[in-house]
Amino acid sequence: MTEGNQGGEVRKIGYIGLVRIKDSAKKARKPVTEGMLAFTIENFDKVDDRHIIVGSDNNLPFTASRDTHQVDDDDFVLLEVNDFLMTK
């Protein structure tokens, strides 16, 4: 956004279904649900021209959803989304 287009229309150029991320390479260290990563997306950021990182920083000391006797770990996934990031 710039001052020149502030308050104007926004054009949707695509989307990524972040809640439907599959672990097809089986890299998850925690259990997945029906092949899907199971964590609440709290943040994402562009890493470089090809990748974004999607994360959940379980920074509350009482967050224990997977095992009620153990605090949840931070979760993240690095996605290669080159075509999406190149879209104009």
PDB file of N, CA and C in Angstrom:
ATOM      1  N   MET A   1       0.839  -1.173   0.000  1.00  0.00           N
ATOM      2  CA  MET A   1       0.000   0.000   0.000  1.00  0.00           C
ATOM      3  C   MET A   1       0.886   1.237   0.000  1.00  0.00           C
ATOM      4  N   THR A   2       0.431   2.217  -0.711  1.00  0.00           N
ATOM      5  CA  THR A   2       1.138   3.496  -0.754  1.00  0.00           C
ATOM      6  C   THR A   2       0.129   4.605  -0.485  1.00  0.00           C
ATOM      7  N   GLU A   3       0.618   5.799  -0.280  1.00  0.00           N
ATOM      8  CA  GLU A   3      -0.306   6.924  -0.096  1.00  0.00           C
ATOM      9  C   GLU A   3      -1.143   7.138  -1.346  1.00  0.00           C
ATOM     10  N   GLY A   4      -0.586   6.803  -2.511  1.00  0.00           N
ATOM     11  CA  GLY A   4      -1.300   6.992  -3.760  1.00  0.00           C
ATOM     12  C   GLY A   4      -2.505   6.083  -3.931  1.00  0.00           C
ATOM     13  N   ASN A   5      -2.469   4.886  -3.349  1.00  0.00           N
ATOM     14  CA  ASN A   5      -3.608   3.982  -3.501  1.00  0.00           C
ATOM     15  C   ASN A   5      -4.334   3.708  -2.184  1.00  0.00           C
ATOM     16  N   GLN A   6      -3.998   4.441  -1.158  1.00  0.00           N
ATOM     17  CA  GLN A   6      -4.648   4.286   0.141  1.00  0.00           C
ATOM     18  C   GLN A   6      -6.133   4.592   0.015  1.00  0.00           C
ATOM     19  N   GLY A   7      -6.959   3.738   0.579  1.00  0.00           N
ATOM     20  CA  GLY A   7      -8.404   3.928   0.538  1.00  0.00           C
ATOM     21  C   GLY A   7      -9.034   3.425  -0.747  1.00  0.00           C
ATOM     22  N   GLY A   8      -8.224   2.941  -1.676  1.00  0.00           N
ATOM     23  CA  GLY A   8      -8.743   2.435  -2.937  1.00  0.00           C
ATOM     24  C   GLY A   8      -9.107   0.960  -2.854  1.00  0.00           C
ATOM     25  N   GLU A   9      -9.467   0.413  -3.985  1.00  0.00           N
ATOM     26  CA  GLU A   9      -9.835  -0.995  -4.052  1.00  0.00           C
ATOM     27  C   GLU A   9      -8.592  -1.870  -3.969  1.00  0.00           C
ATOM     28  N   VAL A  10      -8.782  -3.066  -3.479  1.00  0.00           N
ATOM     29  CA  VAL A  10      -7.717  -4.058  -3.409  1.00  0.00           C
ATOM     30  C   VAL A  10      -8.070  -5.171  -4.378  1.00  0.00           C
ATOM     31  N   ARG A  11      -7.114  -5.574  -5.177  1.00  0.00           N
ATOM     32  CA  ARG A  11      -7.339  -6.639  -6.156  1.00  0.00           C
ATOM     33  C   ARG A  11      -6.761  -7.939  -5.616  1.00  0.00           C
ATOM     34  N   LYS A  12      -7.596  -8.951  -5.507  1.00  0.00           N
ATOM     35  CA  LYS A  12      -7.147 -10.259  -5.042  1.00  0.00           C
ATOM     36  C   LYS A  12      -6.450 -10.959  -6.200  1.00  0.00           C
ATOM     37  N   ILE A  13      -5.205 -11.360  -5.980  1.00  0.00           N
ATOM     38  CA  ILE A  13      -4.437 -12.007  -7.048  1.00  0.00           C
ATOM     39  C   ILE A  13      -4.265 -13.502  -6.809  1.00  0.00           C
ATOM     40  N   GLY A  14      -4.720 -13.981  -5.689  1.00  0.00           N
ATOM     41  CA  GLY A  14      -4.610 -15.404  -5.382  1.00  0.00           C
ATOM     42  C   GLY A  14      -4.752 -15.634  -3.896  1.00  0.00           C
ATOM     43  N   TYR A  15      -4.683 -16.873  -3.508  1.00  0.00           N
ATOM     44  CA  TYR A  15      -4.742 -17.205  -2.089  1.00  0.00           C
ATOM     45  C   TYR A  15      -4.043 -18.542  -1.869  1.00  0.00           C
ATOM     46  N   ILE A  16      -3.680 -18.785  -0.637  1.00  0.00           N
ATOM     47  CA  ILE A  16      -3.104 -20.062  -0.233  1.00  0.00           C
ATOM     48  C   ILE A  16      -3.982 -20.587   0.894  1.00  0.00           C
ATOM     49  N   GLY A  17      -4.500 -21.778   0.747  1.00  0.00           N
ATOM     50  CA  GLY A  17      -5.347 -22.381   1.777  1.00  0.00           C
ATOM     51  C   GLY A  17      -4.500 -22.887   2.935  1.00  0.00           C
ATOM     52  N   LEU A  18      -4.140 -21.987   3.839  1.00  0.00           N
ATOM     53  CA  LEU A  18      -3.202 -22.330   4.906  1.00  0.00           C
ATOM     54  C   LEU A  18      -3.741 -23.381   5.873  1.00  0.00           C
ATOM     55  N   VAL A  19      -5.044 -23.488   6.023  1.00  0.00           N
ATOM     56  CA  VAL A  19      -5.579 -24.502   6.930  1.00  0.00           C
ATOM     57  C   VAL A  19      -5.630 -25.881   6.273  1.00  0.00           C
ATOM     58  N   ARG A  20      -5.264 -25.976   5.017  1.00  0.00           N
ATOM     59  CA  ARG A  20      -5.281 -27.247   4.286  1.00  0.00           C
ATOM     60  C   ARG A  20      -3.866 -27.683   3.891  1.00  0.00           C
ATOM     61  N   ILE A  21      -2.872 -27.293   4.662  1.00  0.00           N
ATOM     62  CA  ILE A  21      -1.487 -27.649   4.348  1.00  0.00           C
ATOM     63  C   ILE A  21      -1.279 -29.130   4.637  1.00  0.00           C
ATOM     64  N   LYS A  22      -0.838 -29.880   3.635  1.00  0.00           N
ATOM     65  CA  LYS A  22      -0.595 -31.310   3.803  1.00  0.00           C
ATOM     66  C   LYS A  22       0.886 -31.560   4.057  1.00  0.00           C
ATOM     67  N   ASP A  23       1.157 -32.563   4.839  1.00  0.00           N
ATOM     68  CA  ASP A  23       2.529 -32.983   5.125  1.00  0.00           C
ATOM     69  C   ASP A  23       2.864 -34.179   4.244  1.00  0.00           C
ATOM     70  N   SER A  24       2.899 -33.969   2.942  1.00  0.00           N
ATOM     71  CA  SER A  24       3.126 -35.073   2.011  1.00  0.00           C
ATOM     72  C   SER A  24       4.534 -35.651   2.109  1.00  0.00           C
ATOM     73  N   ALA A  25       5.496 -34.865   2.563  1.00  0.00           N
ATOM     74  CA  ALA A  25       6.873 -35.355   2.712  1.00  0.00           C
ATOM     75  C   ALA A  25       7.097 -36.011   4.075  1.00  0.00           C
ATOM     76  N   LYS A  26       6.066 -36.033   4.913  1.00  0.00           N
ATOM     77  CA  LYS A  26       6.134 -36.662   6.240  1.00  0.00           C
ATOM     78  C   LYS A  26       7.277 -36.118   7.097  1.00  0.00           C
ATOM     79  N   LYS A  27       7.385 -34.793   7.159  1.00  0.00           N
ATOM     80  CA  LYS A  27       8.440 -34.148   7.937  1.00  0.00           C
ATOM     81  C   LYS A  27       7.989 -33.709   9.322  1.00  0.00           C
ATOM     82  N   ALA A  28       6.696 -33.770   9.589  1.00  0.00           N
ATOM     83  CA  ALA A  28       6.179 -33.315  10.882  1.00  0.00           C
ATOM     84  C   ALA A  28       6.737 -34.167  12.012  1.00  0.00           C
ATOM     85  N   ARG A  29       7.144 -33.504  13.071  1.00  0.00           N
ATOM     86  CA  ARG A  29       7.647 -34.217  14.247  1.00  0.00           C
ATOM     87  C   ARG A  29       6.528 -34.530  15.232  1.00  0.00           C
ATOM     88  N   LYS A  30       5.391 -33.915  15.017  1.00  0.00           N
ATOM     89  CA  LYS A  30       4.219 -34.137  15.860  1.00  0.00           C
ATOM     90  C   LYS A  30       3.155 -34.843  15.022  1.00  0.00           C
ATOM     91  N   PRO A  31       2.195 -35.496  15.665  1.00  0.00           N
ATOM     92  CA  PRO A  31       1.131 -36.176  14.914  1.00  0.00           C
ATOM     93  C   PRO A  31       0.354 -35.198  14.028  1.00  0.00           C
ATOM     94  N   VAL A  32      -0.071 -35.690  12.870  1.00  0.00           N
ATOM     95  CA  VAL A  32      -0.892 -34.893  11.960  1.00  0.00           C
ATOM     96  C   VAL A  32      -2.301 -35.469  11.960  1.00  0.00           C
ATOM     97  N   THR A  33      -3.266 -34.674  11.542  1.00  0.00           N
ATOM     98  CA  THR A  33      -4.659 -35.099  11.493  1.00  0.00           C
ATOM     99  C   THR A  33      -5.040 -35.344  10.048  1.00  0.00           C
ATOM    100  N   GLU A  34      -5.300 -36.590   9.707  1.00  0.00           N
ATOM    101  CA  GLU A  34      -5.661 -36.966   8.338  1.00  0.00           C
ATOM    102  C   GLU A  34      -4.668 -36.398   7.335  1.00  0.00           C
ATOM    103  N   GLY A  35      -3.386 -36.468   7.654  1.00  0.00           N
ATOM    104  CA  GLY A  35      -2.342 -35.982   6.759  1.00  0.00           C
ATOM    105  C   GLY A  35      -2.160 -34.481   6.759  1.00  0.00           C
ATOM    106  N   MET A  36      -2.958 -33.768   7.560  1.00  0.00           N
ATOM    107  CA  MET A  36      -2.891 -32.307   7.608  1.00  0.00           C
ATOM    108  C   MET A  36      -2.172 -31.865   8.867  1.00  0.00           C
ATOM    109  N   LEU A  37      -1.438 -30.783   8.755  1.00  0.00           N
ATOM    110  CA  LEU A  37      -0.816 -30.195   9.932  1.00  0.00           C
ATOM    111  C   LEU A  37      -1.916 -29.616  10.807  1.00  0.00           C
ATOM    112  N   ALA A  38      -1.819 -29.833  12.090  1.00  0.00           N
ATOM    113  CA  ALA A  38      -2.892 -29.414  12.992  1.00  0.00           C
ATOM    114  C   ALA A  38      -2.381 -28.392  13.997  1.00  0.00           C
ATOM    115  N   PHE A  39      -2.336 -27.138  13.584  1.00  0.00           N
ATOM    116  CA  PHE A  39      -2.022 -26.080  14.539  1.00  0.00           C
ATOM    117  C   PHE A  39      -2.713 -24.808  14.103  1.00  0.00           C
ATOM    118  N   THR A  40      -2.980 -23.966  15.067  1.00  0.00           N
ATOM    119  CA  THR A  40      -3.630 -22.695  14.787  1.00  0.00           C
ATOM    120  C   THR A  40      -2.616 -21.740  14.178  1.00  0.00           C
ATOM    121  N   ILE A  41      -2.935 -21.186  13.038  1.00  0.00           N
ATOM    122  CA  ILE A  41      -2.020 -20.261  12.377  1.00  0.00           C
ATOM    123  C   ILE A  41      -2.110 -18.910  13.070  1.00  0.00           C
ATOM    124  N   GLU A  42      -1.001 -18.486  13.627  1.00  0.00           N
ATOM    125  CA  GLU A  42      -0.955 -17.213  14.334  1.00  0.00           C
ATOM    126  C   GLU A  42      -0.177 -16.159  13.569  1.00  0.00           C
ATOM    127  N   ASN A  43       0.691 -16.587  12.678  1.00  0.00           N
ATOM    128  CA  ASN A  43       1.498 -15.615  11.955  1.00  0.00           C
ATOM    129  C   ASN A  43       2.077 -16.236  10.692  1.00  0.00           C
ATOM    130  N   PHE A  44       2.428 -15.380   9.760  1.00  0.00           N
ATOM    131  CA  PHE A  44       3.167 -15.820   8.586  1.00  0.00           C
ATOM    132  C   PHE A  44       3.986 -14.645   8.094  1.00  0.00           C
ATOM    133  N   ASP A  45       5.034 -14.956   7.346  1.00  0.00           N
ATOM    134  CA  ASP A  45       5.910 -13.901   6.850  1.00  0.00           C
ATOM    135  C   ASP A  45       6.626 -14.392   5.602  1.00  0.00           C
ATOM    136  N   LYS A  46       7.004 -13.473   4.771  1.00  0.00           N
ATOM    137  CA  LYS A  46       7.789 -13.789   3.580  1.00  0.00           C
ATOM    138  C   LYS A  46       9.238 -13.990   4.009  1.00  0.00           C
ATOM    139  N   VAL A  47       9.829 -15.105   3.597  1.00  0.00           N
ATOM    140  CA  VAL A  47      11.214 -15.420   3.934  1.00  0.00           C
ATOM    141  C   VAL A  47      12.146 -14.901   2.850  1.00  0.00           C
ATOM    142  N   ASP A  48      11.807 -15.200   1.599  1.00  0.00           N
ATOM    143  CA  ASP A  48      12.585 -14.753   0.448  1.00  0.00           C
ATOM    144  C   ASP A  48      11.646 -14.724  -0.754  1.00  0.00           C
ATOM    145  N   ASP A  49      12.188 -14.665  -1.952  1.00  0.00           N
ATOM    146  CA  ASP A  49      11.350 -14.557  -3.148  1.00  0.00           C
ATOM    147  C   ASP A  49      10.601 -15.838  -3.489  1.00  0.00           C
ATOM    148  N   ARG A  50      10.877 -16.928  -2.783  1.00  0.00           N
ATOM    149  CA  ARG A  50      10.246 -18.212  -3.084  1.00  0.00           C
ATOM    150  C   ARG A  50       9.472 -18.815  -1.920  1.00  0.00           C
ATOM    151  N   HIS A  51       9.705 -18.347  -0.698  1.00  0.00           N
ATOM    152  CA  HIS A  51       9.168 -19.031   0.477  1.00  0.00           C
ATOM    153  C   HIS A  51       8.433 -18.094   1.437  1.00  0.00           C
ATOM    154  N   ILE A  52       7.439 -18.677   2.111  1.00  0.00           N
ATOM    155  CA  ILE A  52       6.827 -18.029   3.269  1.00  0.00           C
ATOM    156  C   ILE A  52       6.930 -19.010   4.439  1.00  0.00           C
ATOM    157  N   ILE A  53       6.907 -18.468   5.645  1.00  0.00           N
ATOM    158  CA  ILE A  53       6.879 -19.301   6.841  1.00  0.00           C
ATOM    159  C   ILE A  53       5.554 -19.055   7.542  1.00  0.00           C
ATOM    160  N   VAL A  54       4.927 -20.136   7.962  1.00  0.00           N
ATOM    161  CA  VAL A  54       3.645 -20.080   8.654  1.00  0.00           C
ATOM    162  C   VAL A  54       3.882 -20.659  10.040  1.00  0.00           C
ATOM    163  N   GLY A  55       3.427 -19.955  11.073  1.00  0.00           N
ATOM    164  CA  GLY A  55       3.763 -20.430  12.404  1.00  0.00           C
ATOM    165  C   GLY A  55       2.697 -20.252  13.450  1.00  0.00           C
ATOM    166  N   SER A  56       2.959 -20.906  14.553  1.00  0.00           N
ATOM    167  CA  SER A  56       2.157 -20.791  15.762  1.00  0.00           C
ATOM    168  C   SER A  56       3.133 -20.764  16.922  1.00  0.00           C
ATOM    169  N   ASP A  57       3.233 -19.621  17.565  1.00  0.00           N
ATOM    170  CA  ASP A  57       4.165 -19.504  18.689  1.00  0.00           C
ATOM    171  C   ASP A  57       3.396 -19.735  19.983  1.00  0.00           C
ATOM    172  N   ASN A  58       3.445 -20.947  20.439  1.00  0.00           N
ATOM    173  CA  ASN A  58       2.712 -21.336  21.652  1.00  0.00           C
ATOM    174  C   ASN A  58       3.427 -20.790  22.873  1.00  0.00           C
ATOM    175  N   ASN A  59       3.322 -19.478  23.026  1.00  0.00           N
ATOM    176  CA  ASN A  59       4.090 -18.789  24.055  1.00  0.00           C
ATOM    177  C   ASN A  59       3.371 -18.682  25.395  1.00  0.00           C
ATOM    178  N   LEU A  60       2.229 -19.289  25.512  1.00  0.00           N
ATOM    179  CA  LEU A  60       1.529 -19.270  26.792  1.00  0.00           C
ATOM    180  C   LEU A  60       1.913 -20.526  27.576  1.00  0.00           C
ATOM    181  N   PRO A  61       2.317 -20.384  28.810  1.00  0.00           N
ATOM    182  CA  PRO A  61       2.832 -21.528  29.563  1.00  0.00           C
ATOM    183  C   PRO A  61       1.796 -22.605  29.873  1.00  0.00           C
ATOM    184  N   PHE A  62       0.528 -22.313  29.658  1.00  0.00           N
ATOM    185  CA  PHE A  62      -0.514 -23.283  29.977  1.00  0.00           C
ATOM    186  C   PHE A  62      -1.147 -23.890  28.729  1.00  0.00           C
ATOM    187  N   THR A  63      -0.591 -23.632  27.543  1.00  0.00           N
ATOM    188  CA  THR A  63      -1.128 -24.184  26.309  1.00  0.00           C
ATOM    189  C   THR A  63      -0.728 -25.650  26.213  1.00  0.00           C
ATOM    190  N   ALA A  64      -1.680 -26.539  26.317  1.00  0.00           N
ATOM    191  CA  ALA A  64      -1.397 -27.972  26.276  1.00  0.00           C
ATOM    192  C   ALA A  64      -2.547 -28.689  25.582  1.00  0.00           C
ATOM    193  N   SER A  65      -2.582 -28.641  24.269  1.00  0.00           N
ATOM    194  CA  SER A  65      -3.708 -29.223  23.547  1.00  0.00           C
ATOM    195  C   SER A  65      -3.449 -30.658  23.099  1.00  0.00           C
ATOM    196  N   ARG A  66      -2.206 -30.997  22.781  1.00  0.00           N
ATOM    197  CA  ARG A  66      -1.912 -32.349  22.296  1.00  0.00           C
ATOM    198  C   ARG A  66      -1.775 -33.341  23.449  1.00  0.00           C
ATOM    199  N   ASP A  67      -1.038 -32.941  24.457  1.00  0.00           N
ATOM    200  CA  ASP A  67      -0.820 -33.761  25.644  1.00  0.00           C
ATOM    201  C   ASP A  67      -1.068 -32.847  26.838  1.00  0.00           C
ATOM    202  N   THR A  68      -2.072 -33.156  27.616  1.00  0.00           N
ATOM    203  CA  THR A  68      -2.457 -32.258  28.710  1.00  0.00           C
ATOM    204  C   THR A  68      -1.402 -32.147  29.804  1.00  0.00           C
ATOM    205  N   HIS A  69      -0.375 -32.967  29.750  1.00  0.00           N
ATOM    206  CA  HIS A  69       0.693 -32.928  30.753  1.00  0.00           C
ATOM    207  C   HIS A  69       1.964 -32.266  30.225  1.00  0.00           C
ATOM    208  N   GLN A  70       1.916 -31.740  29.009  1.00  0.00           N
ATOM    209  CA  GLN A  70       3.111 -31.134  28.416  1.00  0.00           C
ATOM    210  C   GLN A  70       2.717 -29.885  27.630  1.00  0.00           C
ATOM    211  N   VAL A  71       3.464 -28.816  27.829  1.00  0.00           N
ATOM    212  CA  VAL A  71       3.212 -27.565  27.113  1.00  0.00           C
ATOM    213  C   VAL A  71       3.484 -27.776  25.626  1.00  0.00           C
ATOM    214  N   ASP A  72       2.633 -27.210  24.772  1.00  0.00           N
ATOM    215  CA  ASP A  72       2.809 -27.341  23.323  1.00  0.00           C
ATOM    216  C   ASP A  72       4.094 -26.678  22.853  1.00  0.00           C
ATOM    217  N   ASP A  73       4.673 -27.248  21.818  1.00  0.00           N
ATOM    218  CA  ASP A  73       5.842 -26.661  21.173  1.00  0.00           C
ATOM    219  C   ASP A  73       5.403 -25.553  20.228  1.00  0.00           C
ATOM    220  N   ASP A  74       6.356 -24.719  19.819  1.00  0.00           N
ATOM    221  CA  ASP A  74       6.103 -23.800  18.714  1.00  0.00           C
ATOM    222  C   ASP A  74       6.050 -24.638  17.444  1.00  0.00           C
ATOM    223  N   ASP A  75       5.194 -24.252  16.514  1.00  0.00           N
ATOM    224  CA  ASP A  75       5.061 -24.970  15.253  1.00  0.00           C
ATOM    225  C   ASP A  75       5.339 -24.015  14.112  1.00  0.00           C
ATOM    226  N   PHE A  76       5.955 -24.518  13.050  1.00  0.00           N
ATOM    227  CA  PHE A  76       6.122 -23.716  11.848  1.00  0.00           C
ATOM    228  C   PHE A  76       6.246 -24.630  10.647  1.00  0.00           C
ATOM    229  N   VAL A  77       5.933 -24.076   9.493  1.00  0.00           N
ATOM    230  CA  VAL A  77       6.111 -24.795   8.240  1.00  0.00           C
ATOM    231  C   VAL A  77       6.627 -23.791   7.218  1.00  0.00           C
ATOM    232  N   LEU A  78       7.606 -24.211   6.448  1.00  0.00           N
ATOM    233  CA  LEU A  78       8.179 -23.391   5.387  1.00  0.00           C
ATOM    234  C   LEU A  78       7.572 -23.855   4.075  1.00  0.00           C
ATOM    235  N   LEU A  79       6.924 -22.946   3.365  1.00  0.00           N
ATOM    236  CA  LEU A  79       6.252 -23.291   2.111  1.00  0.00           C
ATOM    237  C   LEU A  79       6.942 -22.631   0.933  1.00  0.00           C
ATOM    238  N   GLU A  80       7.186 -23.414  -0.106  1.00  0.00           N
ATOM    239  CA  GLU A  80       7.693 -22.840  -1.351  1.00  0.00           C
ATOM    240  C   GLU A  80       6.477 -22.432  -2.179  1.00  0.00           C
ATOM    241  N   VAL A  81       6.324 -21.131  -2.375  1.00  0.00           N
ATOM    242  CA  VAL A  81       5.161 -20.580  -3.077  1.00  0.00           C
ATOM    243  C   VAL A  81       5.625 -19.567  -4.124  1.00  0.00           C
ATOM    244  N   ASN A  82       6.629 -19.958  -4.882  1.00  0.00           N
ATOM    245  CA  ASN A  82       7.254 -19.078  -5.861  1.00  0.00           C
ATOM    246  C   ASN A  82       6.238 -18.456  -6.820  1.00  0.00           C
ATOM    247  N   ASP A  83       5.379 -19.273  -7.413  1.00  0.00           N
ATOM    248  CA  ASP A  83       4.401 -18.751  -8.380  1.00  0.00           C
ATOM    249  C   ASP A  83       3.478 -17.720  -7.743  1.00  0.00           C
ATOM    250  N   PHE A  84       3.050 -17.988  -6.528  1.00  0.00           N
ATOM    251  CA  PHE A  84       2.165 -17.063  -5.824  1.00  0.00           C
ATOM    252  C   PHE A  84       2.867 -15.733  -5.570  1.00  0.00           C
ATOM    253  N   LEU A  85       4.105 -15.786  -5.088  1.00  0.00           N
ATOM    254  CA  LEU A  85       4.830 -14.553  -4.764  1.00  0.00           C
ATOM    255  C   LEU A  85       5.200 -13.750  -6.007  1.00  0.00           C
ATOM    256  N   MET A  86       5.280 -14.406  -7.161  1.00  0.00           N
ATOM    257  CA  MET A  86       5.624 -13.698  -8.401  1.00  0.00           C
ATOM    258  C   MET A  86       4.409 -13.069  -9.075  1.00  0.00           C
ATOM    259  N   THR A  87       3.205 -13.413  -8.632  1.00  0.00           N
ATOM    260  CA  THR A  87       1.984 -12.903  -9.253  1.00  0.00           C
ATOM    261  C   THR A  87       1.886 -11.394  -9.078  1.00  0.00           C
ATOM    262  N   LYS A  88       1.542 -10.715 -10.141  1.00  0.00           N
ATOM    263  CA  LYS A  88       1.389  -9.251 -10.116  1.00  0.00           C
ATOM    264  C   LYS A  88      -0.059  -8.877 -10.358  1.00  0.00           C
TER     265      LYS A  88
END
